[in-house]
């Protein structure tokens, strides 16, 4: 199961920004007003994606620090009830942050595909 969190939101906003910018370029000569609105939308989406990326980065740093503390607590020779409770709470904290970030989106490859060869309008296999 893939957890959809901030990483999914970032990828979605970046893809939507790319689509809006593409639409803006295509409509530049046909409808300048629509092209301007699309370009503004693309800029807004890029800024939102960057804000979410900063948030996800901060969550990653928090998880890293919590993991160090958790490692310190679990490898310590001192074992008390309060340390066990702290360990459980730290594990819950790390899980919550992981759910908020979600799983990383797979890298997208936007290579330009060569056109299929055609003969008399029919695709050649």
C-alpha atoms as a PDB file:
ATOM      1  CA  UNK A   1       0.000   0.000   0.000  1.00  0.00           C
ATOM      2  CA  UNK A   2       1.361   3.409  -0.953  1.00  0.00           C
ATOM      3  CA  UNK A   3       0.787   6.169   1.591  1.00  0.00           C
ATOM      4  CA  UNK A   4      -0.227   9.380  -0.165  1.00  0.00           C
ATOM      5  CA  UNK A   5       1.050  12.348   1.782  1.00  0.00           C
ATOM      6  CA  UNK A   6       3.110  15.449   1.140  1.00  0.00           C
ATOM      7  CA  UNK A   7       5.300  13.768  -1.473  1.00  0.00           C
ATOM      8  CA  UNK A   8       2.235  12.805  -3.505  1.00  0.00           C
ATOM      9  CA  UNK A   9       0.841  16.330  -3.139  1.00  0.00           C
ATOM     10  CA  UNK A  10       4.153  17.838  -4.284  1.00  0.00           C
ATOM     11  CA  UNK A  11       4.316  15.591  -7.357  1.00  0.00           C
ATOM     12  CA  UNK A  12       0.678  16.338  -8.206  1.00  0.00           C
ATOM     13  CA  UNK A  13       1.168  20.103  -7.935  1.00  0.00           C
ATOM     14  CA  UNK A  14       4.332  20.001 -10.032  1.00  0.00           C
ATOM     15  CA  UNK A  15       2.576  17.961 -12.720  1.00  0.00           C
ATOM     16  CA  UNK A  16      -0.389  20.364 -12.682  1.00  0.00           C
ATOM     17  CA  UNK A  17       2.003  23.331 -12.935  1.00  0.00           C
ATOM     18  CA  UNK A  18       3.653  21.731 -15.965  1.00  0.00           C
ATOM     19  CA  UNK A  19       0.277  21.140 -17.594  1.00  0.00           C
ATOM     20  CA  UNK A  20      -0.818  24.730 -16.902  1.00  0.00           C
ATOM     21  CA  UNK A  21       2.436  26.116 -18.335  1.00  0.00           C
ATOM     22  CA  UNK A  22       2.058  23.908 -21.415  1.00  0.00           C
ATOM     23  CA  UNK A  23      -1.529  25.118 -21.897  1.00  0.00           C
ATOM     24  CA  UNK A  24      -0.340  28.697 -21.509  1.00  0.00           C
ATOM     25  CA  UNK A  25       2.301  28.233 -24.205  1.00  0.00           C
ATOM     26  CA  UNK A  26      -0.173  26.582 -26.574  1.00  0.00           C
ATOM     27  CA  UNK A  27      -2.764  29.353 -26.157  1.00  0.00           C
ATOM     28  CA  UNK A  28      -0.327  32.261 -26.235  1.00  0.00           C
ATOM     29  CA  UNK A  29      -1.228  33.340 -29.763  1.00  0.00           C
ATOM     30  CA  UNK A  30      -4.875  32.185 -29.683  1.00  0.00           C
ATOM     31  CA  UNK A  31      -6.055  33.621 -26.362  1.00  0.00           C
ATOM     32  CA  UNK A  32      -3.534  35.819 -24.508  1.00  0.00           C
ATOM     33  CA  UNK A  33      -5.812  36.218 -21.472  1.00  0.00           C
ATOM     34  CA  UNK A  34      -6.136  32.454 -20.982  1.00  0.00           C
ATOM     35  CA  UNK A  35      -2.370  32.062 -21.478  1.00  0.00           C
ATOM     36  CA  UNK A  36      -1.705  34.682 -18.796  1.00  0.00           C
ATOM     37  CA  UNK A  37      -4.090  32.985 -16.344  1.00  0.00           C
ATOM     38  CA  UNK A  38      -2.492  29.598 -17.019  1.00  0.00           C
ATOM     39  CA  UNK A  39       0.986  31.009 -16.438  1.00  0.00           C
ATOM     40  CA  UNK A  40      -0.119  32.610 -13.153  1.00  0.00           C
ATOM     41  CA  UNK A  41      -1.671  29.323 -12.079  1.00  0.00           C
ATOM     42  CA  UNK A  42       1.546  27.488 -12.933  1.00  0.00           C
ATOM     43  CA  UNK A  43       3.623  29.941 -10.869  1.00  0.00           C
ATOM     44  CA  UNK A  44       1.242  29.604  -7.912  1.00  0.00           C
ATOM     45  CA  UNK A  45       1.340  25.811  -8.078  1.00  0.00           C
ATOM     46  CA  UNK A  46       5.147  25.804  -8.203  1.00  0.00           C
ATOM     47  CA  UNK A  47       5.305  28.025  -5.103  1.00  0.00           C
ATOM     48  CA  UNK A  48       2.837  25.780  -3.265  1.00  0.00           C
ATOM     49  CA  UNK A  49       4.862  22.701  -4.228  1.00  0.00           C
ATOM     50  CA  UNK A  50       8.047  24.341  -2.903  1.00  0.00           C
ATOM     51  CA  UNK A  51       6.321  25.207   0.391  1.00  0.00           C
ATOM     52  CA  UNK A  52       5.169  21.608   0.747  1.00  0.00           C
ATOM     53  CA  UNK A  53       8.689  20.392  -0.124  1.00  0.00           C
ATOM     54  CA  UNK A  54      10.122  22.563   2.685  1.00  0.00           C
ATOM     55  CA  UNK A  55       7.539  21.108   5.070  1.00  0.00           C
ATOM     56  CA  UNK A  56       8.442  17.552   4.035  1.00  0.00           C
ATOM     57  CA  UNK A  57      12.160  18.334   4.428  1.00  0.00           C
ATOM     58  CA  UNK A  58      11.564  19.619   7.974  1.00  0.00           C
ATOM     59  CA  UNK A  59       9.586  16.465   8.774  1.00  0.00           C
ATOM     60  CA  UNK A  60      12.507  14.364   7.500  1.00  0.00           C
ATOM     61  CA  UNK A  61      14.908  16.249   9.777  1.00  0.00           C
ATOM     62  CA  UNK A  62      12.584  15.727  12.756  1.00  0.00           C
ATOM     63  CA  UNK A  63      12.328  12.020  11.997  1.00  0.00           C
ATOM     64  CA  UNK A  64      16.111  11.780  11.759  1.00  0.00           C
ATOM     65  CA  UNK A  65      16.539  13.417  15.172  1.00  0.00           C
ATOM     66  CA  UNK A  66      13.809  11.270  16.706  1.00  0.00           C
ATOM     67  CA  UNK A  67      15.440   8.134  15.291  1.00  0.00           C
ATOM     68  CA  UNK A  68      18.763   9.118  16.891  1.00  0.00           C
ATOM     69  CA  UNK A  69      17.071   9.634  20.245  1.00  0.00           C
ATOM     70  CA  UNK A  70      15.155   6.379  19.864  1.00  0.00           C
ATOM     71  CA  UNK A  71      18.385   4.533  19.084  1.00  0.00           C
ATOM     72  CA  UNK A  72      20.018   6.090  22.149  1.00  0.00           C
ATOM     73  CA  UNK A  73      17.112   4.990  24.369  1.00  0.00           C
ATOM     74  CA  UNK A  74      17.011   1.442  23.042  1.00  0.00           C
ATOM     75  CA  UNK A  75      20.767   0.851  23.250  1.00  0.00           C
ATOM     76  CA  UNK A  76      21.087   2.328  26.739  1.00  0.00           C
ATOM     77  CA  UNK A  77      21.820  -0.054  29.617  1.00  0.00           C
ATOM     78  CA  UNK A  78      19.315   1.789  31.789  1.00  0.00           C
ATOM     79  CA  UNK A  79      15.835   0.338  31.394  1.00  0.00           C
ATOM     80  CA  UNK A  80      12.933   1.985  33.193  1.00  0.00           C
ATOM     81  CA  UNK A  81       9.205   2.160  32.699  1.00  0.00           C
ATOM     82  CA  UNK A  82       9.417   5.830  31.737  1.00  0.00           C
ATOM     83  CA  UNK A  83      12.058   5.117  29.102  1.00  0.00           C
ATOM     84  CA  UNK A  84       9.829   2.401  27.644  1.00  0.00           C
ATOM     85  CA  UNK A  85       6.932   4.865  27.474  1.00  0.00           C
ATOM     86  CA  UNK A  86       9.179   7.471  25.855  1.00  0.00           C
ATOM     87  CA  UNK A  87      10.336   4.873  23.321  1.00  0.00           C
ATOM     88  CA  UNK A  88       6.725   4.033  22.444  1.00  0.00           C
ATOM     89  CA  UNK A  89       5.829   7.709  22.085  1.00  0.00           C
ATOM     90  CA  UNK A  90       8.867   8.354  19.864  1.00  0.00           C
ATOM     91  CA  UNK A  91       7.929   5.433  17.637  1.00  0.00           C
ATOM     92  CA  UNK A  92       4.392   6.824  17.331  1.00  0.00           C
ATOM     93  CA  UNK A  93       5.783  10.280  16.553  1.00  0.00           C
ATOM     94  CA  UNK A  94       7.998   8.901  13.790  1.00  0.00           C
ATOM     95  CA  UNK A  95       5.069   6.930  12.332  1.00  0.00           C
ATOM     96  CA  UNK A  96       2.841  10.026  12.300  1.00  0.00           C
ATOM     97  CA  UNK A  97       5.489  12.062  10.502  1.00  0.00           C
ATOM     98  CA  UNK A  98       6.004   9.244   8.002  1.00  0.00           C
ATOM     99  CA  UNK A  99       2.261   9.174   7.310  1.00  0.00           C
ATOM    100  CA  UNK A 100       2.208  12.944   6.872  1.00  0.00           C
ATOM    101  CA  UNK A 101       5.068  12.800   4.354  1.00  0.00           C
ATOM    102  CA  UNK A 102       3.827   9.652   2.672  1.00  0.00           C
ATOM    103  CA  UNK A 103       5.885   7.422   0.442  1.00  0.00           C
ATOM    104  CA  UNK A 104       8.154   9.026  -2.127  1.00  0.00           C
ATOM    105  CA  UNK A 105       6.707   9.267  -5.597  1.00  0.00           C
ATOM    106  CA  UNK A 106       8.576   7.287  -8.259  1.00  0.00           C
ATOM    107  CA  UNK A 107      10.711   9.382 -10.563  1.00  0.00           C
ATOM    108  CA  UNK A 108       8.933  10.289 -13.759  1.00  0.00           C
ATOM    109  CA  UNK A 109      10.754  10.004 -17.044  1.00  0.00           C
ATOM    110  CA  UNK A 110       9.574  12.613 -19.517  1.00  0.00           C
ATOM    111  CA  UNK A 111      11.587  11.498 -22.525  1.00  0.00           C
ATOM    112  CA  UNK A 112      10.251  12.505 -25.898  1.00  0.00           C
ATOM    113  CA  UNK A 113       9.126   9.398 -27.722  1.00  0.00           C
ATOM    114  CA  UNK A 114       9.998   9.165 -31.404  1.00  0.00           C
ATOM    115  CA  UNK A 115       6.973   9.219 -33.701  1.00  0.00           C
ATOM    116  CA  UNK A 116       5.756   5.871 -34.922  1.00  0.00           C
ATOM    117  CA  UNK A 117       6.614   5.224 -38.569  1.00  0.00           C
ATOM    118  CA  UNK A 118       3.560   5.330 -40.809  1.00  0.00           C
ATOM    119  CA  UNK A 119       2.902   4.279 -44.362  1.00  0.00           C
ATOM    120  CA  UNK A 120      -0.135   5.837 -45.987  1.00  0.00           C
ATOM    121  CA  UNK A 121      -1.471   6.922 -42.578  1.00  0.00           C
ATOM    122  CA  UNK A 122      -1.247   3.408 -41.101  1.00  0.00           C
ATOM    123  CA  UNK A 123       1.128   2.563 -38.243  1.00  0.00           C
ATOM    124  CA  UNK A 124       3.853   0.088 -39.163  1.00  0.00           C
ATOM    125  CA  UNK A 125       4.570  -2.663 -36.619  1.00  0.00           C
END
